[in-house]
Protein backbone atom coordinates (compact mmCIF):
# COMPACT_ATOMS: atom_id res chain seq x y z
CA MET A 1 21.41 44.01 -3.51
CA SER A 2 22.14 43.73 -6.82
CA LEU A 3 23.85 40.75 -8.26
CA SER A 4 27.23 41.29 -10.11
CA ARG A 5 27.65 39.91 -13.42
CA ARG A 6 29.58 36.66 -12.69
CA GLN A 7 26.96 35.64 -9.86
CA PHE A 8 24.00 36.28 -12.55
CA THR A 9 25.79 34.09 -15.07
CA LEU A 10 26.69 31.32 -12.08
CA LEU A 11 22.69 31.41 -11.06
CA ALA A 12 21.77 31.30 -14.77
CA LEU A 13 23.94 28.42 -15.66
CA THR A 14 22.90 26.31 -12.35
CA PRO A 15 20.14 23.84 -13.36
CA PRO A 16 16.89 23.66 -11.54
CA PRO A 17 16.72 20.72 -8.93
CA ARG A 18 16.14 17.38 -10.81
CA LYS A 19 12.58 16.15 -9.83
CA PRO A 20 13.18 12.78 -7.97
CA ASN A 21 11.56 9.40 -9.92
CA ILE A 22 9.09 7.34 -7.74
CA VAL A 23 8.76 4.24 -7.72
CA PHE A 24 5.70 2.80 -5.69
CA VAL A 25 5.57 -1.25 -4.63
CA LEU A 26 1.97 -2.56 -3.49
CA ALA A 27 1.76 -5.95 -2.48
CA ASP A 28 -1.67 -7.95 -1.74
CA ASP A 29 -2.96 -8.88 1.47
CA LEU A 30 0.74 -9.19 2.87
CA GLY A 31 0.45 -9.29 6.73
CA TRP A 32 2.30 -6.62 9.09
CA ALA A 33 4.73 -9.46 10.30
CA GLU A 34 5.71 -11.38 7.14
CA LEU A 35 8.94 -9.65 6.54
CA GLY A 36 12.45 -9.93 8.36
CA CYS A 37 12.87 -6.43 8.70
CA TYR A 38 9.69 -6.90 10.79
CA GLY A 39 10.72 -10.13 13.04
CA ASN A 40 9.56 -13.04 10.78
CA THR A 41 12.58 -15.68 11.25
CA PHE A 42 10.97 -17.98 8.99
CA ASN A 43 10.07 -16.11 5.63
CA GLU A 44 12.78 -14.58 3.48
CA THR A 45 12.74 -11.27 2.27
CA PRO A 46 16.78 -9.93 2.31
CA HIS A 47 15.98 -7.01 -0.80
CA LEU A 48 13.18 -5.73 1.42
CA ASP A 49 15.10 -5.97 4.97
CA GLN A 50 18.13 -3.97 2.85
CA LEU A 51 15.63 -1.43 1.74
CA ALA A 52 14.40 -1.11 5.28
CA ARG A 53 18.40 -0.61 6.62
CA ASP A 54 18.79 1.98 3.86
CA GLY A 55 15.33 4.08 4.50
CA VAL A 56 12.70 3.89 6.74
CA ARG A 57 10.76 1.33 8.40
CA PHE A 58 7.30 2.35 10.10
CA THR A 59 5.83 -0.17 12.57
CA GLN A 60 2.58 1.91 12.81
CA ALA A 61 1.21 2.52 9.46
CA TYR A 62 -2.23 1.54 8.30
CA ALA A 63 -4.31 0.57 5.15
CA ALA A 64 -7.67 2.79 4.81
CA ALA A 65 -9.70 -0.04 4.81
CA PRO A 66 -9.21 -3.97 5.54
CA VAL A 67 -10.04 -5.01 2.17
CA CYS A 68 -8.39 -4.54 -1.39
CA SER A 69 -10.40 -2.06 -3.28
CA PRO A 70 -11.11 1.06 -1.08
CA THR A 71 -7.53 0.94 0.40
CA ARG A 72 -6.47 1.63 -3.22
CA VAL A 73 -8.85 4.36 -3.54
CA SER A 74 -7.21 6.28 -0.92
CA LEU A 75 -3.58 5.54 -2.94
CA MET A 76 -4.88 7.02 -6.11
CA THR A 77 -7.03 9.64 -4.93
CA GLY A 78 -5.41 10.69 -1.85
CA GLN A 79 -9.12 11.02 -0.64
CA HIS A 80 -11.23 8.19 2.00
CA PRO A 81 -13.20 5.54 0.83
CA LYS A 82 -15.68 6.89 2.44
CA THR A 83 -15.48 10.28 0.33
CA VAL A 84 -15.39 8.63 -2.91
CA GLY A 85 -18.05 5.99 -2.22
CA ILE A 86 -15.97 2.74 -2.58
CA THR A 87 -15.92 1.23 0.90
CA ASP A 88 -15.86 -2.68 0.11
CA PHE A 89 -13.87 -4.75 -2.30
CA LEU A 90 -15.44 -4.18 -6.01
CA ARG A 91 -17.05 -7.13 -7.75
CA ALA A 92 -17.05 -8.58 -11.20
CA ASP A 93 -19.82 -6.69 -12.00
CA ASP A 94 -19.90 -3.89 -9.65
CA PRO A 95 -21.81 -0.58 -11.13
CA VAL A 96 -18.85 1.26 -8.44
CA HIS A 97 -15.64 2.06 -10.48
CA LEU A 98 -13.06 4.91 -9.81
CA SER A 99 -14.45 7.74 -11.68
CA PRO A 100 -12.04 9.40 -14.19
CA THR A 101 -14.08 12.37 -14.47
CA LYS A 102 -14.62 12.75 -10.70
CA TYR A 103 -11.39 12.32 -9.80
CA ARG A 104 -7.63 13.22 -10.53
CA SER A 105 -5.22 10.59 -9.44
CA VAL A 106 -2.21 10.42 -8.45
CA ALA A 107 -0.56 9.45 -12.09
CA LYS A 108 -2.79 12.33 -13.81
CA ARG A 109 -1.17 14.77 -11.43
CA LEU A 110 2.12 13.71 -11.60
CA ALA A 111 1.79 13.25 -15.66
CA GLU A 112 0.74 16.89 -15.75
CA THR A 113 4.41 17.76 -13.83
CA GLY A 114 6.03 16.12 -16.50
CA TYR A 115 6.32 12.56 -15.20
CA HIS A 116 5.87 9.84 -17.48
CA THR A 117 3.38 7.14 -15.75
CA GLY A 118 3.20 3.46 -15.38
CA LEU A 119 1.07 0.92 -14.11
CA ILE A 120 2.20 -2.63 -14.21
CA GLY A 121 -0.10 -5.14 -12.58
CA LYS A 122 -3.42 -5.01 -10.01
CA TRP A 123 -5.55 -2.26 -10.26
CA HIS A 124 -9.16 -3.48 -8.91
CA LEU A 125 -11.07 -0.21 -9.20
CA MET A 126 -12.81 -0.99 -12.67
CA GLY A 127 -16.17 -2.12 -11.22
CA ASP A 128 -17.99 -3.97 -14.28
CA TYR A 129 -15.03 -5.12 -16.65
CA THR A 130 -17.67 -5.23 -19.77
CA THR A 131 -17.79 -1.14 -19.61
CA ARG A 132 -14.44 -0.75 -18.30
CA ARG A 133 -15.30 2.93 -16.94
CA GLY A 134 -12.70 2.76 -14.61
CA ASP A 135 -9.66 1.79 -16.76
CA PRO A 136 -6.70 2.85 -15.40
CA ALA A 137 -5.71 4.17 -19.13
CA LYS A 138 -8.13 6.87 -18.28
CA HIS A 139 -6.78 7.88 -14.52
CA GLY A 140 -3.13 9.14 -15.90
CA PHE A 141 -1.48 6.36 -16.90
CA ALA A 142 0.57 6.26 -20.34
CA GLU A 143 1.35 2.61 -20.01
CA VAL A 144 -0.52 -0.16 -18.39
CA ILE A 145 1.28 -3.48 -18.44
CA CYS A 146 -0.20 -6.52 -17.10
CA SER A 147 -3.38 -5.26 -15.65
CA GLU A 148 -6.32 -7.09 -15.49
CA SER A 149 -9.28 -6.67 -18.22
CA LYS A 150 -11.36 -9.56 -16.42
CA TYR A 151 -12.53 -10.25 -12.60
CA ILE A 152 -9.28 -10.79 -10.80
CA GLY A 153 -10.95 -12.30 -7.81
CA PRO A 154 -9.65 -16.04 -7.80
CA GLY A 155 -5.97 -15.41 -8.88
CA TYR A 156 -4.09 -16.91 -11.82
CA TYR A 157 -0.36 -17.23 -11.44
CA PHE A 158 0.76 -19.29 -14.29
CA PRO A 159 -0.32 -19.23 -17.73
CA PRO A 160 -3.46 -19.03 -18.94
CA TYR A 161 -3.97 -15.58 -17.48
CA LEU A 162 -7.80 -16.03 -17.01
CA HIS A 163 -8.06 -12.39 -15.69
CA MET A 164 -5.92 -10.82 -18.70
CA PRO A 165 -6.28 -13.59 -21.40
CA GLU A 166 -4.91 -11.02 -24.05
CA VAL A 167 -1.20 -11.47 -22.10
CA GLN A 168 0.71 -14.46 -23.49
CA PRO A 169 3.81 -15.81 -21.73
CA LYS A 170 7.26 -14.72 -22.77
CA GLN A 171 8.50 -18.16 -21.85
CA THR A 172 7.37 -21.73 -20.54
CA GLY A 173 6.37 -22.17 -17.31
CA GLU A 174 6.27 -18.47 -16.76
CA TYR A 175 5.67 -16.97 -13.29
CA LEU A 176 3.12 -14.19 -13.13
CA THR A 177 5.29 -12.36 -10.34
CA ASP A 178 8.18 -12.96 -12.25
CA ARG A 179 6.92 -11.37 -15.39
CA LEU A 180 6.00 -8.91 -13.24
CA ASN A 181 9.44 -8.26 -12.38
CA ASP A 182 10.70 -8.01 -15.78
CA GLU A 183 7.75 -5.68 -16.97
CA ALA A 184 9.02 -3.25 -14.15
CA VAL A 185 13.08 -3.60 -14.94
CA ALA A 186 11.92 -2.96 -18.67
CA PHE A 187 9.88 -0.03 -17.78
CA ILE A 188 13.12 1.74 -15.73
CA GLU A 189 15.41 0.75 -18.48
CA ARG A 190 13.44 2.59 -21.08
CA SER A 191 11.73 5.57 -18.93
CA SER A 192 13.51 9.12 -19.03
CA ALA A 193 13.43 10.86 -15.64
CA PRO A 194 11.23 11.94 -14.07
CA PHE A 195 9.27 8.73 -14.20
CA PHE A 196 6.29 7.25 -11.65
CA LEU A 197 6.20 3.66 -11.69
CA TYR A 198 3.23 1.90 -9.83
CA VAL A 199 4.18 -1.90 -9.54
CA ALA A 200 0.52 -3.60 -7.62
CA HIS A 201 1.53 -7.25 -6.95
CA TYR A 202 -1.36 -9.86 -7.45
CA THR A 203 0.59 -11.63 -4.68
CA VAL A 204 0.16 -12.61 -1.91
CA HIS A 205 -3.28 -12.63 -2.68
CA THR A 206 -4.69 -16.02 -1.64
CA ARG A 207 -5.34 -18.64 -3.66
CA LEU A 208 -1.97 -19.38 -2.89
CA ALA A 209 0.41 -20.30 -5.72
CA ALA A 210 4.10 -20.37 -5.69
CA LYS A 211 7.01 -21.82 -7.89
CA LYS A 212 7.23 -25.45 -6.86
CA ASP A 213 11.31 -25.53 -6.17
CA ILE A 214 11.05 -22.37 -4.05
CA GLU A 215 8.34 -23.90 -2.12
CA ALA A 216 9.60 -27.02 -1.14
CA ARG A 217 12.86 -25.26 0.04
CA PHE A 218 10.53 -23.92 2.52
CA ALA A 219 8.68 -26.98 3.08
CA ALA A 220 11.76 -27.99 4.65
CA LYS A 221 12.77 -25.66 7.15
CA PRO A 222 12.10 -26.27 10.79
CA GLY A 223 8.86 -25.04 11.66
CA ALA A 224 6.86 -25.10 8.46
CA SER A 225 2.83 -25.60 8.93
CA ALA A 226 -0.27 -24.89 6.99
CA LYS A 227 -1.21 -21.43 8.59
CA LYS A 228 2.05 -20.20 10.96
CA ASN A 229 5.19 -20.49 8.72
CA ASN A 230 3.05 -21.24 5.38
CA PRO A 231 5.69 -22.52 2.59
CA ALA A 232 3.50 -21.43 -0.23
CA LEU A 233 3.29 -17.95 0.90
CA ALA A 234 6.73 -18.00 2.08
CA ALA A 235 7.65 -18.82 -1.36
CA MET A 236 5.39 -16.09 -3.19
CA LEU A 237 7.05 -13.33 -0.44
CA TRP A 238 10.54 -14.77 -1.93
CA SER A 239 9.60 -14.21 -5.71
CA LEU A 240 8.20 -10.92 -4.60
CA ASP A 241 11.09 -9.90 -2.52
CA GLU A 242 13.43 -10.47 -5.71
CA CYS A 243 11.27 -7.71 -7.25
CA ILE A 244 12.96 -5.05 -5.49
CA GLY A 245 16.31 -6.50 -5.41
CA LYS A 246 15.89 -6.29 -9.76
CA MET A 247 14.50 -2.83 -9.26
CA ARG A 248 17.06 -1.56 -7.06
CA ALA A 249 19.61 -3.12 -9.63
CA ALA A 250 18.16 -1.56 -12.57
CA LEU A 251 17.68 2.31 -10.76
CA GLU A 252 21.35 1.64 -9.58
CA LYS A 253 22.78 0.66 -13.27
CA LYS A 254 21.12 3.59 -14.50
CA GLY A 255 22.65 5.93 -11.80
CA VAL A 256 19.23 7.37 -10.95
CA PHE A 257 18.46 5.17 -7.49
CA ASP A 258 19.70 7.96 -4.95
CA ASN A 259 17.21 10.22 -7.03
CA THR A 260 13.94 7.83 -6.22
CA LEU A 261 11.65 7.68 -3.91
CA PHE A 262 11.05 4.20 -3.62
CA VAL A 263 7.92 3.14 -1.33
CA PHE A 264 6.89 -0.63 -0.62
CA CYS A 265 3.47 -1.60 1.40
CA SER A 266 0.49 -3.70 1.24
CA ASP A 267 -3.44 -3.07 0.99
CA ASN A 268 -4.28 -4.54 4.12
CA GLY A 269 -3.45 -6.96 6.41
CA GLY A 270 -2.85 -10.87 5.58
CA GLU A 271 -5.75 -13.07 5.40
CA ASP A 272 -5.95 -15.05 8.87
CA ARG A 273 -6.88 -18.50 6.98
CA VAL A 274 -2.97 -18.65 5.80
CA THR A 275 -1.03 -16.63 8.10
CA VAL A 276 -0.26 -15.49 11.52
CA ASN A 277 -0.26 -11.43 11.56
CA GLY A 278 2.47 -11.68 14.49
CA ALA A 279 0.79 -10.64 17.67
CA LEU A 280 -1.70 -8.65 15.91
CA ARG A 281 -5.00 -9.66 16.27
CA ALA A 282 -7.36 -11.22 13.38
CA GLY A 283 -6.62 -10.32 9.97
CA LYS A 284 -7.99 -8.96 6.46
CA SER A 285 -11.63 -7.77 6.60
CA THR A 286 -11.44 -6.84 10.14
CA LEU A 287 -10.67 -3.09 11.86
CA TYR A 288 -8.50 -5.10 14.51
CA GLU A 289 -5.02 -4.71 13.83
CA GLY A 290 -4.38 -7.69 12.10
CA GLY A 291 -6.53 -6.68 9.26
CA ILE A 292 -5.46 -2.48 8.91
CA ARG A 293 -1.75 -2.53 9.98
CA ILE A 294 0.50 -2.98 7.01
CA PRO A 295 4.32 -2.99 6.44
CA PHE A 296 5.57 0.47 5.17
CA ILE A 297 9.22 0.70 3.80
CA THR A 298 10.30 3.75 2.10
CA ARG A 299 13.89 5.39 0.69
CA PHE A 300 13.59 8.77 0.61
CA PRO A 301 15.85 10.46 -2.12
CA HIS A 302 19.84 10.91 -1.68
CA GLY A 303 18.99 8.51 1.60
CA GLN A 304 17.24 11.07 3.72
CA HIS A 305 16.23 9.83 7.15
CA ALA A 306 18.29 6.59 6.41
CA GLY A 307 18.06 3.96 8.92
CA LYS A 308 15.30 5.45 10.95
CA VAL A 309 12.38 3.04 12.43
CA SER A 310 9.38 5.38 12.94
CA ASP A 311 6.37 4.37 15.37
CA VAL A 312 4.39 7.39 14.26
CA PRO A 313 1.24 6.41 12.97
CA ILE A 314 0.74 6.99 9.45
CA ASP A 315 -1.90 5.66 6.76
CA THR A 316 -2.23 5.05 2.81
CA LEU A 317 -3.66 8.39 2.67
CA ASP A 318 -0.74 9.78 3.48
CA VAL A 319 1.02 8.40 0.06
CA MET A 320 -0.35 10.66 -2.49
CA PRO A 321 0.50 13.74 -0.76
CA GLU A 322 4.06 12.61 -0.02
CA PHE A 323 4.32 11.60 -4.03
CA LEU A 324 2.95 15.19 -5.03
CA GLN A 325 5.34 16.91 -2.37
CA GLN A 326 8.25 14.96 -3.99
CA ALA A 327 7.23 16.09 -7.56
CA GLY A 328 6.70 19.72 -6.64
CA SER A 329 3.22 19.84 -7.04
CA PRO A 330 0.49 21.81 -4.88
CA LEU A 331 -1.36 20.07 -2.46
CA THR A 332 -4.98 20.72 -2.85
CA ASN A 333 -7.82 21.22 -0.02
CA GLU A 334 -9.35 17.75 -1.21
CA LEU A 335 -6.47 15.32 0.19
CA ALA A 336 -7.26 13.71 3.30
CA GLY A 337 -3.64 12.88 4.27
CA ARG A 338 -0.57 14.50 4.58
CA PRO A 339 3.03 13.79 3.53
CA PHE A 340 4.53 10.98 5.47
CA SER A 341 7.78 12.42 5.56
CA ARG A 342 6.20 15.24 8.15
CA ALA A 343 6.37 12.40 10.36
CA PHE A 344 10.19 13.49 11.23
CA THR A 345 9.59 17.02 10.70
CA ASP A 346 6.14 17.73 12.51
CA THR A 347 6.12 14.57 14.95
CA LYS A 348 3.88 15.64 17.89
CA LEU A 349 1.30 17.04 15.32
CA PHE A 350 1.43 13.91 13.21
CA ALA A 351 1.22 11.41 15.78
CA ALA A 352 -1.86 13.37 17.64
CA ARG A 353 -4.12 13.44 14.76
CA PRO A 354 -7.00 10.65 14.41
CA HIS A 355 -6.97 8.12 11.86
CA PHE A 356 -10.74 6.87 10.62
CA TRP A 357 -11.97 3.99 9.24
CA HIS A 358 -15.70 3.46 7.70
CA TYR A 359 -16.31 -0.55 6.60
CA PRO A 360 -19.96 -0.80 6.19
CA LEU A 361 -21.27 -4.24 5.21
CA ALA A 362 -24.65 -5.64 4.49
CA ALA A 363 -23.82 -8.91 5.68
CA PRO A 364 -20.49 -10.19 7.39
CA HIS A 365 -17.53 -10.89 5.18
CA PHE A 366 -16.57 -14.40 4.27
CA LEU A 367 -13.41 -14.16 6.08
CA GLY A 368 -15.09 -12.87 9.45
CA GLY A 369 -15.03 -9.09 9.28
CA ARG A 370 -17.91 -7.53 10.36
CA SER A 371 -20.16 -3.81 9.45
CA ALA A 372 -17.97 -1.41 11.58
CA GLY A 373 -16.10 1.95 12.11
CA ALA A 374 -13.18 2.90 13.95
CA VAL A 375 -11.08 5.53 14.92
CA ARG A 376 -7.52 5.76 16.71
CA GLU A 377 -5.98 8.90 18.48
CA GLY A 378 -2.95 8.73 20.16
CA ASP A 379 -2.66 5.52 22.11
CA TRP A 380 -6.59 4.80 21.87
CA LYS A 381 -8.87 2.95 19.58
CA LEU A 382 -12.53 2.69 19.43
CA ILE A 383 -13.96 0.07 17.23
CA CYS A 384 -17.99 0.32 16.97
CA PHE A 385 -19.88 -2.48 15.35
CA TYR A 386 -22.74 -1.19 12.98
CA ASP A 387 -24.36 -4.09 13.32
CA ASN A 388 -25.32 -4.46 16.86
CA ASN A 389 -24.12 -0.98 17.59
CA THR A 390 -21.55 -1.90 20.29
CA GLN A 391 -18.05 -0.66 20.95
CA GLU A 392 -14.53 -1.69 22.22
CA LEU A 393 -11.66 0.25 23.52
CA TYR A 394 -7.93 -0.35 23.16
CA ASN A 395 -4.82 1.00 24.68
CA LEU A 396 -2.43 -0.08 21.82
CA ARG A 397 0.58 1.47 23.74
CA LEU A 398 -0.67 -1.09 26.49
CA ASP A 399 -2.17 -3.98 24.64
CA PRO A 400 -1.12 -3.99 20.72
CA SER A 401 -2.89 -7.54 20.70
CA GLU A 402 -6.00 -5.85 21.55
CA ALA A 403 -6.55 -8.91 24.01
CA ARG A 404 -8.56 -6.41 26.75
CA ASN A 405 -11.50 -4.44 25.97
CA VAL A 406 -11.30 -1.75 28.66
CA ILE A 407 -14.63 0.57 27.38
CA ALA A 408 -15.89 -0.12 31.07
CA GLU A 409 -12.83 1.28 32.77
CA HIS A 410 -12.49 4.33 30.56
CA PRO A 411 -16.11 5.21 29.40
CA ALA A 412 -15.25 9.35 29.11
CA VAL A 413 -12.40 8.14 26.58
CA ALA A 414 -14.57 6.04 24.71
CA ALA A 415 -17.39 8.93 24.81
CA LYS A 416 -15.09 11.59 23.17
CA LEU A 417 -13.31 8.90 20.31
CA ARG A 418 -17.45 8.39 19.35
CA ARG A 419 -18.22 11.90 19.25
CA LYS A 420 -15.21 12.53 17.15
CA PHE A 421 -15.79 9.38 14.93
CA GLU A 422 -19.54 10.49 14.57
CA ALA A 423 -18.66 13.96 13.61
CA TRP A 424 -16.29 12.74 10.73
CA ARG A 425 -18.70 9.93 9.50
CA HIS A 426 -21.09 12.71 8.83
CA SER A 427 -19.31 15.09 7.79
């Protein structure tokens, strides 16, 4: 059927759909049960709670690893840490790094489709900082702001910032989380659409260091203690939550919030030296739920799926595919995950797919984690310990706290999962 002249004119004048801005905020070592919207009644996170009400809260989201660097690999490349070869956190002089020649990062892919890209904060994929072979500027970030130039491990939240001595405070008594908040707002204010902003906070990673007045307020709350309801951690989280509020306000003032994909999550579970991960077992460095299950909140453009809570398992491998899909960039074969929005359109297939973890260690992690791998499929999760060749099987629907190893009652389930895990591990 041919178009009339009027129809053709209207079609020609119709502007193409605008690509959404993408804002991604990553917390460090933030446990699954720390936010108010995940049931915490001591910490105060009003802006994240509001984002969850306006968007989607995933209750069974996972990090690709129980420690920092490998999860960040999954977020930046869309590939499993095992594939890239970064399966543990990178040390200060580590010869391993994220190669800009071997891997096209999400920032590079988005830049190729017209996005202005920026990283504010922690990278931790550099390897040896003296060579800077894994520099984030080589991975497609047009702007790199307040990102570590020396090893980040100890954590410095007040000047001098020993992990980035070139960064000078802009005011007396500056707090690093506030500085990142201000830099994020400035990036939003000066950037033309579409833009991709990755804000990787150094907080709440231990050592804990909060603003004293906020910490004192939480210390005075009933139930405060050194581990559960930790006032220092609560104060650090309060400052991080302020970032969400300030960024949202900046997006709304600019008139682009409705056309922005906003994602918040953590790189792994909380350290159980300083926090309790709700009813989940253990914490960072372990493949128990407390080490790998993370808070994950997203607000889709134009309020799609607003107010939903999803218990469909997703993981950090699904983040890059979602960003590429939103940007209209093709999903290529090397991507290990799928866009997490498909949890609503392909719910049964998404819920049934297996999730794998590979965490080989030469020696136990200082937080207690052991050399191990794991697979979850449906309600079943099998943990395979490499150090002594033992296995543990849990039904997460019946036993989310992983209190009872049921491998003796279900040997066929364990054997099936072990075959799948070994096939994946050696693929």
